[in-house]
Amino acid sequence: MKKRILLLEDDLLLGQTLVELLESDGYLVTLARSGDRAVDETYENKFDLYIFDINVPDINGIELLKSLREADDKTPAIFISALIDLSSIAKAFAVGADDYIKKPFFPEELLIRVNAKLGDKTSTIKYNDLEYNPNTKTLKKNAHTIALGEVQEQLFNLFIHNIGKVVTQDMLLGCLEKPSPSALRVALTKLKQTTGLNIKNLRSIGYIVE
């Protein structure tokens, strides 16, 4: 059975983009463009995940989640917001948020976070001679555990969740402490040597593992 997501986002273009992305990955998504509409949807339907913007018409995302938690609604919730001050982030987690993504963000990043919440956390991802548990972040190659540094782990996580899909250079640069094209090439070379991933460079587009 497909899992259901309630997306609260008043920006129609962004909302439609996220709906298309999430539905292409197998989710059923309901888009609400105001807090009042989102309230109506939570009364009428049962959802597996909430994705709330904060600054929306009527009830804002934080107040909405607060009221849902007070009504004993424990549905996991991810905030997506242009508010990047620590006060807003603290309020979001204080009312019961599970995750917080700062705008602007790559839509694929949201998909990775959603899959982490709703995916089958008991199963490992198998690719050639690699086995990866996204929950514990344990990676094995031919049954032997491989230790990856923080940067390598983030790069690997992007590729393993996007097999057969293009991962843009900008997405990969976001994993580096000091982003630059040359630093990325070094990091990817190291990742290929450690894991054996066949990472192909698509010039001016990005990288792909097929």
C-alpha atoms as a PDB file:
ATOM      1  CA  MET A   1       0.000   0.000   0.000  1.00  0.00           C
ATOM      2  CA  LYS A   2       1.334   3.414  -0.942  1.00  0.00           C
ATOM      3  CA  LYS A   3       2.207   5.704   1.948  1.00  0.00           C
ATOM      4  CA  ARG A   4       0.424   9.033   2.193  1.00  0.00           C
ATOM      5  CA  ILE A   5       2.030  12.443   2.668  1.00  0.00           C
ATOM      6  CA  LEU A   6       0.385  15.765   3.497  1.00  0.00           C
ATOM      7  CA  LEU A   7       2.397  18.634   2.012  1.00  0.00           C
ATOM      8  CA  LEU A   8       1.658  22.143   3.335  1.00  0.00           C
ATOM      9  CA  GLU A   9       3.230  24.640   0.914  1.00  0.00           C
ATOM     10  CA  ASP A  10       1.702  27.899  -0.340  1.00  0.00           C
ATOM     11  CA  ASP A  11       4.193  28.299  -3.215  1.00  0.00           C
ATOM     12  CA  LEU A  12       2.270  26.548  -5.997  1.00  0.00           C
ATOM     13  CA  LEU A  13       5.263  25.949  -8.281  1.00  0.00           C
ATOM     14  CA  LEU A  14       7.406  24.468  -5.507  1.00  0.00           C
ATOM     15  CA  GLY A  15       4.446  22.485  -4.202  1.00  0.00           C
ATOM     16  CA  GLN A  16       3.733  20.948  -7.602  1.00  0.00           C
ATOM     17  CA  THR A  17       7.425  20.157  -8.122  1.00  0.00           C
ATOM     18  CA  LEU A  18       7.602  18.317  -4.788  1.00  0.00           C
ATOM     19  CA  VAL A  19       4.328  16.490  -5.429  1.00  0.00           C
ATOM     20  CA  GLU A  20       5.625  15.212  -8.788  1.00  0.00           C
ATOM     21  CA  LEU A  21       8.944  14.135  -7.287  1.00  0.00           C
ATOM     22  CA  LEU A  22       7.391  12.303  -4.331  1.00  0.00           C
ATOM     23  CA  GLU A  23       4.679  10.655  -6.428  1.00  0.00           C
ATOM     24  CA  SER A  24       7.294   9.478  -8.957  1.00  0.00           C
ATOM     25  CA  ASP A  25       8.901   7.632  -6.042  1.00  0.00           C
ATOM     26  CA  GLY A  26       5.652   5.879  -5.151  1.00  0.00           C
ATOM     27  CA  TYR A  27       4.035   8.108  -2.529  1.00  0.00           C
ATOM     28  CA  LEU A  28       0.492   9.497  -2.511  1.00  0.00           C
ATOM     29  CA  VAL A  29       0.720  13.242  -1.863  1.00  0.00           C
ATOM     30  CA  THR A  30      -1.987  15.742  -0.890  1.00  0.00           C
ATOM     31  CA  LEU A  31      -1.041  19.397  -1.376  1.00  0.00           C
ATOM     32  CA  ALA A  32      -2.551  21.993   0.967  1.00  0.00           C
ATOM     33  CA  ARG A  33      -1.756  25.677   0.346  1.00  0.00           C
ATOM     34  CA  SER A  34      -3.029  27.032   3.670  1.00  0.00           C
ATOM     35  CA  GLY A  35      -2.982  25.988   7.296  1.00  0.00           C
ATOM     36  CA  ASP A  36      -6.784  25.780   7.413  1.00  0.00           C
ATOM     37  CA  ARG A  37      -6.863  23.432   4.428  1.00  0.00           C
ATOM     38  CA  ALA A  38      -4.187  21.260   6.037  1.00  0.00           C
ATOM     39  CA  VAL A  39      -6.294  21.040   9.209  1.00  0.00           C
ATOM     40  CA  ASP A  40      -9.274  19.877   7.144  1.00  0.00           C
ATOM     41  CA  GLU A  41      -7.117  17.225   5.466  1.00  0.00           C
ATOM     42  CA  THR A  42      -5.880  15.849   8.802  1.00  0.00           C
ATOM     43  CA  TYR A  43      -9.493  15.511   9.970  1.00  0.00           C
ATOM     44  CA  GLU A  44     -10.574  13.759   6.795  1.00  0.00           C
ATOM     45  CA  ASN A  45      -7.567  11.515   6.100  1.00  0.00           C
ATOM     46  CA  LYS A  46      -4.825   9.530   7.800  1.00  0.00           C
ATOM     47  CA  PHE A  47      -1.280  10.337   6.704  1.00  0.00           C
ATOM     48  CA  ASP A  48       2.084   8.616   7.199  1.00  0.00           C
ATOM     49  CA  LEU A  49       4.131  11.837   7.041  1.00  0.00           C
ATOM     50  CA  TYR A  50       3.619  15.599   7.255  1.00  0.00           C
ATOM     51  CA  ILE A  51       5.812  18.052   5.314  1.00  0.00           C
ATOM     52  CA  PHE A  52       5.029  21.593   6.494  1.00  0.00           C
ATOM     53  CA  ASP A  53       6.235  25.006   5.412  1.00  0.00           C
ATOM     54  CA  ILE A  54       6.082  27.509   8.301  1.00  0.00           C
ATOM     55  CA  ASN A  55       5.032  30.829   6.753  1.00  0.00           C
ATOM     56  CA  VAL A  56       1.712  29.918   5.135  1.00  0.00           C
ATOM     57  CA  PRO A  57      -1.747  31.575   5.166  1.00  0.00           C
ATOM     58  CA  ASP A  58      -4.093  31.074   8.123  1.00  0.00           C
ATOM     59  CA  ILE A  59      -2.430  28.771  10.676  1.00  0.00           C
ATOM     60  CA  ASN A  60       1.370  28.645  10.340  1.00  0.00           C
ATOM     61  CA  GLY A  61       3.163  25.327  10.177  1.00  0.00           C
ATOM     62  CA  ILE A  62       4.506  25.435  13.731  1.00  0.00           C
ATOM     63  CA  GLU A  63       1.104  26.213  15.267  1.00  0.00           C
ATOM     64  CA  LEU A  64      -0.475  23.501  13.135  1.00  0.00           C
ATOM     65  CA  LEU A  65       1.955  20.819  14.269  1.00  0.00           C
ATOM     66  CA  LYS A  66       1.637  22.004  17.874  1.00  0.00           C
ATOM     67  CA  SER A  67      -2.135  21.542  17.747  1.00  0.00           C
ATOM     68  CA  LEU A  68      -1.775  18.127  16.117  1.00  0.00           C
ATOM     69  CA  ARG A  69       0.683  16.957  18.774  1.00  0.00           C
ATOM     70  CA  GLU A  70      -1.653  18.225  21.512  1.00  0.00           C
ATOM     71  CA  ALA A  71      -4.364  16.087  19.908  1.00  0.00           C
ATOM     72  CA  ASP A  72      -2.019  13.087  20.285  1.00  0.00           C
ATOM     73  CA  ASP A  73      -1.193  12.955  16.563  1.00  0.00           C
ATOM     74  CA  LYS A  74       2.277  11.360  16.416  1.00  0.00           C
ATOM     75  CA  THR A  75       2.633  11.386  12.620  1.00  0.00           C
ATOM     76  CA  PRO A  76       6.294  12.138  11.700  1.00  0.00           C
ATOM     77  CA  ALA A  77       6.777  15.716  10.491  1.00  0.00           C
ATOM     78  CA  ILE A  78       9.423  17.470   8.388  1.00  0.00           C
ATOM     79  CA  PHE A  79       9.580  21.268   8.168  1.00  0.00           C
ATOM     80  CA  ILE A  80      10.759  23.018   4.997  1.00  0.00           C
ATOM     81  CA  SER A  81      11.293  26.725   5.574  1.00  0.00           C
ATOM     82  CA  ALA A  82      13.194  29.819   4.500  1.00  0.00           C
ATOM     83  CA  LEU A  83      13.486  30.673   8.202  1.00  0.00           C
ATOM     84  CA  ILE A  84      17.040  29.818   9.145  1.00  0.00           C
ATOM     85  CA  ASP A  85      17.325  31.536  12.536  1.00  0.00           C
ATOM     86  CA  LEU A  86      17.979  29.263  15.489  1.00  0.00           C
ATOM     87  CA  SER A  87      14.830  30.469  17.250  1.00  0.00           C
ATOM     88  CA  SER A  88      12.550  29.200  14.466  1.00  0.00           C
ATOM     89  CA  ILE A  89      14.410  25.924  14.205  1.00  0.00           C
ATOM     90  CA  ALA A  90      14.227  25.461  17.994  1.00  0.00           C
ATOM     91  CA  LYS A  91      10.469  26.152  17.972  1.00  0.00           C
ATOM     92  CA  ALA A  92       9.958  23.608  15.211  1.00  0.00           C
ATOM     93  CA  PHE A  93      11.654  20.842  17.153  1.00  0.00           C
ATOM     94  CA  ALA A  94      10.023  21.958  20.413  1.00  0.00           C
ATOM     95  CA  VAL A  95       6.548  21.313  18.990  1.00  0.00           C
ATOM     96  CA  GLY A  96       7.532  17.881  17.754  1.00  0.00           C
ATOM     97  CA  ALA A  97       9.276  18.120  14.387  1.00  0.00           C
ATOM     98  CA  ASP A  98      11.392  15.170  13.279  1.00  0.00           C
ATOM     99  CA  ASP A  99      13.469  17.052  10.722  1.00  0.00           C
ATOM    100  CA  TYR A 100      14.046  20.578   9.356  1.00  0.00           C
ATOM    101  CA  ILE A 101      15.231  21.502   5.873  1.00  0.00           C
ATOM    102  CA  LYS A 102      16.264  25.063   5.102  1.00  0.00           C
ATOM    103  CA  LYS A 103      15.154  26.666   1.831  1.00  0.00           C
ATOM    104  CA  PRO A 104      16.425  26.729  -0.802  1.00  0.00           C
ATOM    105  CA  PHE A 105      17.132  23.009  -1.020  1.00  0.00           C
ATOM    106  CA  PHE A 106      17.458  20.370  -3.710  1.00  0.00           C
ATOM    107  CA  PRO A 107      14.155  18.492  -4.051  1.00  0.00           C
ATOM    108  CA  GLU A 108      16.138  15.253  -4.118  1.00  0.00           C
ATOM    109  CA  GLU A 109      17.398  16.059  -0.601  1.00  0.00           C
ATOM    110  CA  LEU A 110      13.818  16.096   0.640  1.00  0.00           C
ATOM    111  CA  LEU A 111      13.200  12.750  -1.059  1.00  0.00           C
ATOM    112  CA  ILE A 112      16.208  11.247   0.747  1.00  0.00           C
ATOM    113  CA  ARG A 113      14.866  12.499   4.097  1.00  0.00           C
ATOM    114  CA  VAL A 114      11.372  11.188   3.314  1.00  0.00           C
ATOM    115  CA  ASN A 115      12.706   7.774   2.339  1.00  0.00           C
ATOM    116  CA  ALA A 116      14.690   7.704   5.571  1.00  0.00           C
ATOM    117  CA  LYS A 117      11.443   8.247   7.508  1.00  0.00           C
ATOM    118  CA  LEU A 118       9.109   6.046   5.523  1.00  0.00           C
ATOM    119  CA  GLY A 119      11.395   3.474   3.946  1.00  0.00           C
ATOM    120  CA  ASP A 120      11.793  -0.082   5.213  1.00  0.00           C
ATOM    121  CA  LYS A 121      14.481   0.382   7.823  1.00  0.00           C
ATOM    122  CA  THR A 122      14.940  -3.331   8.397  1.00  0.00           C
ATOM    123  CA  SER A 123      16.193  -4.030   4.875  1.00  0.00           C
ATOM    124  CA  THR A 124      19.574  -3.271   3.413  1.00  0.00           C
ATOM    125  CA  ILE A 125      20.278  -1.780   0.011  1.00  0.00           C
ATOM    126  CA  LYS A 126      22.237  -4.238  -2.117  1.00  0.00           C
ATOM    127  CA  TYR A 127      24.330  -3.131  -5.075  1.00  0.00           C
ATOM    128  CA  ASN A 128      26.808  -5.516  -6.676  1.00  0.00           C
ATOM    129  CA  ASP A 129      29.055  -6.683  -3.812  1.00  0.00           C
ATOM    130  CA  LEU A 130      27.925  -3.882  -1.463  1.00  0.00           C
ATOM    131  CA  GLU A 131      25.320  -4.045   1.304  1.00  0.00           C
ATOM    132  CA  TYR A 132      24.227  -0.814   2.972  1.00  0.00           C
ATOM    133  CA  ASN A 133      21.893  -0.308   5.927  1.00  0.00           C
ATOM    134  CA  PRO A 134      20.610   3.306   5.747  1.00  0.00           C
ATOM    135  CA  ASN A 135      19.367   3.147   9.327  1.00  0.00           C
ATOM    136  CA  THR A 136      22.674   2.192  10.948  1.00  0.00           C
ATOM    137  CA  LYS A 137      24.794   3.554   8.059  1.00  0.00           C
ATOM    138  CA  THR A 138      26.662   0.266   8.030  1.00  0.00           C
ATOM    139  CA  LEU A 139      28.390  -0.535   4.739  1.00  0.00           C
ATOM    140  CA  LYS A 140      29.737  -3.981   3.871  1.00  0.00           C
ATOM    141  CA  LYS A 141      31.705  -5.106   0.836  1.00  0.00           C
ATOM    142  CA  ASN A 142      31.824  -8.863   0.341  1.00  0.00           C
ATOM    143  CA  ALA A 143      30.546  -9.188   3.944  1.00  0.00           C
ATOM    144  CA  HIS A 144      33.433  -7.087   5.306  1.00  0.00           C
ATOM    145  CA  THR A 145      32.534  -3.797   6.996  1.00  0.00           C
ATOM    146  CA  ILE A 146      33.930  -0.656   5.369  1.00  0.00           C
ATOM    147  CA  ALA A 147      34.494   2.475   7.434  1.00  0.00           C
ATOM    148  CA  LEU A 148      33.704   5.727   5.635  1.00  0.00           C
ATOM    149  CA  GLY A 149      34.533   9.217   6.854  1.00  0.00           C
ATOM    150  CA  GLU A 150      31.773  11.800   7.195  1.00  0.00           C
ATOM    151  CA  VAL A 151      32.240  13.280   3.706  1.00  0.00           C
ATOM    152  CA  GLN A 152      32.537   9.848   2.082  1.00  0.00           C
ATOM    153  CA  GLU A 153      29.412   8.704   3.907  1.00  0.00           C
ATOM    154  CA  GLN A 154      27.379  11.649   2.633  1.00  0.00           C
ATOM    155  CA  LEU A 155      28.585  11.163  -0.941  1.00  0.00           C
ATOM    156  CA  PHE A 156      27.910   7.429  -0.810  1.00  0.00           C
ATOM    157  CA  ASN A 157      24.449   8.024   0.655  1.00  0.00           C
ATOM    158  CA  LEU A 158      23.543  10.313  -2.254  1.00  0.00           C
ATOM    159  CA  PHE A 159      24.672   7.810  -4.869  1.00  0.00           C
ATOM    160  CA  ILE A 160      23.199   4.667  -3.287  1.00  0.00           C
ATOM    161  CA  HIS A 161      19.769   6.307  -3.026  1.00  0.00           C
ATOM    162  CA  ASN A 162      19.952   7.525  -6.634  1.00  0.00           C
ATOM    163  CA  ILE A 163      21.200   4.503  -8.580  1.00  0.00           C
ATOM    164  CA  GLY A 164      20.570   5.148 -12.257  1.00  0.00           C
ATOM    165  CA  LYS A 165      19.781   8.811 -11.643  1.00  0.00           C
ATOM    166  CA  VAL A 166      21.972  11.843 -12.275  1.00  0.00           C
ATOM    167  CA  VAL A 167      23.393  13.431  -9.127  1.00  0.00           C
ATOM    168  CA  THR A 168      24.308  17.028  -9.883  1.00  0.00           C
ATOM    169  CA  GLN A 169      27.693  18.511  -9.060  1.00  0.00           C
ATOM    170  CA  ASP A 170      26.023  21.081  -6.793  1.00  0.00           C
ATOM    171  CA  MET A 171      24.415  18.317  -4.720  1.00  0.00           C
ATOM    172  CA  LEU A 172      27.777  16.604  -4.306  1.00  0.00           C
ATOM    173  CA  LEU A 173      29.603  19.842  -3.494  1.00  0.00           C
ATOM    174  CA  GLY A 174      27.156  20.297  -0.620  1.00  0.00           C
ATOM    175  CA  CYS A 175      28.742  17.275   1.062  1.00  0.00           C
ATOM    176  CA  LEU A 176      32.203  18.859   1.227  1.00  0.00           C
ATOM    177  CA  GLU A 177      33.570  20.997   4.047  1.00  0.00           C
ATOM    178  CA  LYS A 178      35.450  23.212   1.570  1.00  0.00           C
ATOM    179  CA  PRO A 179      33.624  22.787  -1.741  1.00  0.00           C
ATOM    180  CA  SER A 180      35.527  23.078  -5.006  1.00  0.00           C
ATOM    181  CA  PRO A 181      35.558  21.055  -8.248  1.00  0.00           C
ATOM    182  CA  SER A 182      39.074  19.769  -7.551  1.00  0.00           C
ATOM    183  CA  ALA A 183      38.198  18.734  -3.969  1.00  0.00           C
ATOM    184  CA  LEU A 184      35.137  16.913  -5.314  1.00  0.00           C
ATOM    185  CA  ARG A 185      37.212  14.994  -7.863  1.00  0.00           C
ATOM    186  CA  VAL A 186      39.601  13.883  -5.105  1.00  0.00           C
ATOM    187  CA  ALA A 187      36.712  12.839  -2.838  1.00  0.00           C
ATOM    188  CA  LEU A 188      34.994  10.872  -5.616  1.00  0.00           C
ATOM    189  CA  THR A 189      38.232   9.124  -6.577  1.00  0.00           C
ATOM    190  CA  LYS A 190      38.703   8.069  -2.961  1.00  0.00           C
ATOM    191  CA  LEU A 191      35.086   6.882  -2.753  1.00  0.00           C
ATOM    192  CA  LYS A 192      35.509   4.786  -5.918  1.00  0.00           C
ATOM    193  CA  GLN A 193      38.688   3.218  -4.542  1.00  0.00           C
ATOM    194  CA  THR A 194      37.099   2.414  -1.189  1.00  0.00           C
ATOM    195  CA  THR A 195      33.736   1.092  -2.366  1.00  0.00           C
ATOM    196  CA  GLY A 196      34.254   0.075  -5.970  1.00  0.00           C
ATOM    197  CA  LEU A 197      31.308   2.224  -7.108  1.00  0.00           C
ATOM    198  CA  ASN A 198      31.387   2.805 -10.855  1.00  0.00           C
ATOM    199  CA  ILE A 199      30.846   6.577 -10.763  1.00  0.00           C
ATOM    200  CA  LYS A 200      30.585   8.071 -14.239  1.00  0.00           C
ATOM    201  CA  ASN A 201      31.118  11.748 -14.995  1.00  0.00           C
ATOM    202  CA  LEU A 202      28.500  13.296 -17.269  1.00  0.00           C
ATOM    203  CA  ARG A 203      30.206  16.477 -18.395  1.00  0.00           C
ATOM    204  CA  SER A 204      28.399  19.690 -17.453  1.00  0.00           C
ATOM    205  CA  ILE A 205      25.560  17.655 -15.943  1.00  0.00           C
ATOM    206  CA  GLY A 206      26.791  15.673 -12.940  1.00  0.00           C
ATOM    207  CA  TYR A 207      27.593  12.087 -12.021  1.00  0.00           C
ATOM    208  CA  ILE A 208      25.755   8.787 -12.168  1.00  0.00           C
ATOM    209  CA  VAL A 209      26.097   5.265 -10.800  1.00  0.00           C
ATOM    210  CA  GLU A 210      24.286   2.855 -13.118  1.00  0.00           C
END
